[in-house]
Amino acid sequence: MKITPGSHPSAPVSGATPAESSAKAATDRKLQETCREFEAIFLQTMLKGMRATLPGDALMEDSLSSDIYTDLRDLQVARSMAQNEGIGIAEALYRQLSAIEERQPASDAAPEKKE
């Protein structure tokens, strides 16, 4: 299932100012990307754990370079899975975090930077 803006409780309301809507949209995009990246890390860890249960690879010798290649391949597969449909972790996490964000007062959501 894809994460789509506007399909969650913190979607901008029609009475919001353009600046608030723009800031909300930027926050939503950042939250979506973070959730997808979390799911990718989870999937990579899962793939690595699954691979550890298999006997050695007959095509490649056991070496540091093959381990690095396998880790990088797992990372790319995990990122690809998370960017497409994933397994639903990113969507569930996004729904929960956006609901929490919606309940926070605006002053607590983004601390002001002092220059």
Protein backbone atom coordinates (compact mmCIF):
# COMPACT_ATOMS: atom_id res chain seq x y z
CA MET A 1 0.00 0.00 0.00
CA LYS A 2 1.35 3.43 -0.91
CA ILE A 3 1.51 6.35 1.48
CA THR A 4 -0.45 9.17 -0.08
CA PRO A 5 -0.62 12.74 1.21
CA GLY A 6 -4.08 13.76 2.34
CA SER A 7 -5.06 10.22 3.34
CA HIS A 8 -4.23 10.66 6.99
CA PRO A 9 -5.61 12.59 9.95
CA SER A 10 -3.08 15.41 9.66
CA ALA A 11 -4.03 16.42 6.10
CA PRO A 12 -4.19 20.22 5.78
CA VAL A 13 -7.62 21.65 6.39
CA SER A 14 -9.17 24.10 3.97
CA GLY A 15 -8.97 26.97 6.50
CA ALA A 16 -5.17 26.79 6.80
CA THR A 17 -3.05 29.64 5.48
CA PRO A 18 -0.82 28.94 2.45
CA ALA A 19 2.28 29.12 4.66
CA GLU A 20 0.82 26.60 7.12
CA SER A 21 -0.22 24.31 4.27
CA SER A 22 3.24 24.54 2.69
CA ALA A 23 4.99 23.81 5.99
CA LYS A 24 2.58 20.93 6.66
CA ALA A 25 3.21 19.46 3.19
CA ALA A 26 6.99 19.67 3.70
CA THR A 27 6.70 18.01 7.09
CA ASP A 28 4.48 15.27 5.64
CA ARG A 29 6.95 14.56 2.82
CA LYS A 30 9.83 14.37 5.29
CA LEU A 31 7.84 12.06 7.57
CA GLN A 32 6.89 9.81 4.64
CA GLU A 33 10.51 9.54 3.50
CA THR A 34 11.69 8.81 7.05
CA CYS A 35 9.08 6.07 7.44
CA ARG A 36 10.10 4.51 4.12
CA GLU A 37 13.77 4.63 5.13
CA PHE A 38 12.93 2.97 8.46
CA GLU A 39 11.10 0.21 6.60
CA ALA A 40 14.10 -0.20 4.26
CA ILE A 41 16.46 -0.60 7.24
CA PHE A 42 14.09 -3.13 8.80
CA LEU A 43 13.86 -5.07 5.52
CA GLN A 44 17.64 -5.03 5.09
CA THR A 45 18.08 -6.43 8.59
CA MET A 46 15.47 -9.08 7.86
CA LEU A 47 17.16 -10.06 4.56
CA LYS A 48 20.56 -10.26 6.29
CA GLY A 49 19.10 -12.48 9.01
CA MET A 50 17.43 -14.72 6.45
CA ARG A 51 20.66 -14.98 4.45
CA ALA A 52 22.57 -16.02 7.59
CA THR A 53 20.43 -19.15 7.85
CA LEU A 54 21.51 -20.36 4.40
CA PRO A 55 24.54 -22.53 3.75
CA GLY A 56 27.47 -20.93 1.91
CA ASP A 57 27.09 -19.60 -1.63
CA ALA A 58 28.42 -22.06 -4.21
CA LEU A 59 28.90 -19.33 -6.82
CA MET A 60 30.96 -16.93 -4.74
CA GLU A 61 33.77 -17.69 -2.32
CA ASP A 62 33.47 -16.52 1.26
CA SER A 63 35.46 -13.27 1.44
CA LEU A 64 35.21 -9.71 2.64
CA SER A 65 34.44 -8.46 -0.88
CA SER A 66 31.57 -10.93 -1.33
CA ASP A 67 30.19 -9.94 2.08
CA ILE A 68 30.28 -6.25 1.11
CA TYR A 69 28.63 -7.01 -2.23
CA THR A 70 25.89 -9.05 -0.54
CA ASP A 71 25.24 -6.31 2.04
CA LEU A 72 25.01 -3.63 -0.66
CA ARG A 73 22.71 -5.81 -2.75
CA ASP A 74 20.46 -6.42 0.26
CA LEU A 75 20.38 -2.67 0.94
CA GLN A 76 19.29 -1.89 -2.62
CA VAL A 77 16.66 -4.65 -2.61
CA ALA A 78 15.33 -3.39 0.73
CA ARG A 79 15.17 0.23 -0.49
CA SER A 80 13.43 -0.84 -3.67
CA MET A 81 10.90 -2.87 -1.69
CA ALA A 82 10.23 0.03 0.68
CA GLN A 83 9.83 2.58 -2.14
CA ASN A 84 7.31 0.38 -3.92
CA GLU A 85 4.73 -1.50 -1.91
CA GLY A 86 6.87 -2.54 1.03
CA ILE A 87 5.33 -4.71 3.71
CA GLY A 88 3.21 -2.02 5.34
CA ILE A 89 5.51 -0.89 8.13
CA ALA A 90 6.10 2.56 6.60
CA GLU A 91 2.39 3.18 6.14
CA ALA A 92 1.47 2.08 9.67
CA LEU A 93 4.29 4.12 11.18
CA TYR A 94 3.31 7.16 9.10
CA ARG A 95 -0.33 6.93 10.23
CA GLN A 96 0.69 6.70 13.89
CA LEU A 97 3.27 9.48 13.78
CA SER A 98 1.06 11.85 11.78
CA ALA A 99 -1.76 11.31 14.28
CA ILE A 100 0.61 12.16 17.14
CA GLU A 101 1.86 15.21 15.24
CA GLU A 102 -1.74 16.36 14.72
CA ARG A 103 -2.39 16.27 18.48
CA GLN A 104 0.71 18.35 19.28
CA PRO A 105 0.22 22.09 19.66
CA ALA A 106 1.81 24.06 16.80
CA SER A 107 4.37 25.62 19.16
CA ASP A 108 5.66 22.16 20.20
CA ALA A 109 5.81 20.72 16.67
CA ALA A 110 8.75 22.78 15.40
CA PRO A 111 11.04 24.48 17.89
CA GLU A 112 12.18 27.91 16.81
CA LYS A 113 15.82 28.38 15.85
CA LYS A 114 17.69 31.12 17.68
CA GLU A 115 20.20 32.95 15.58
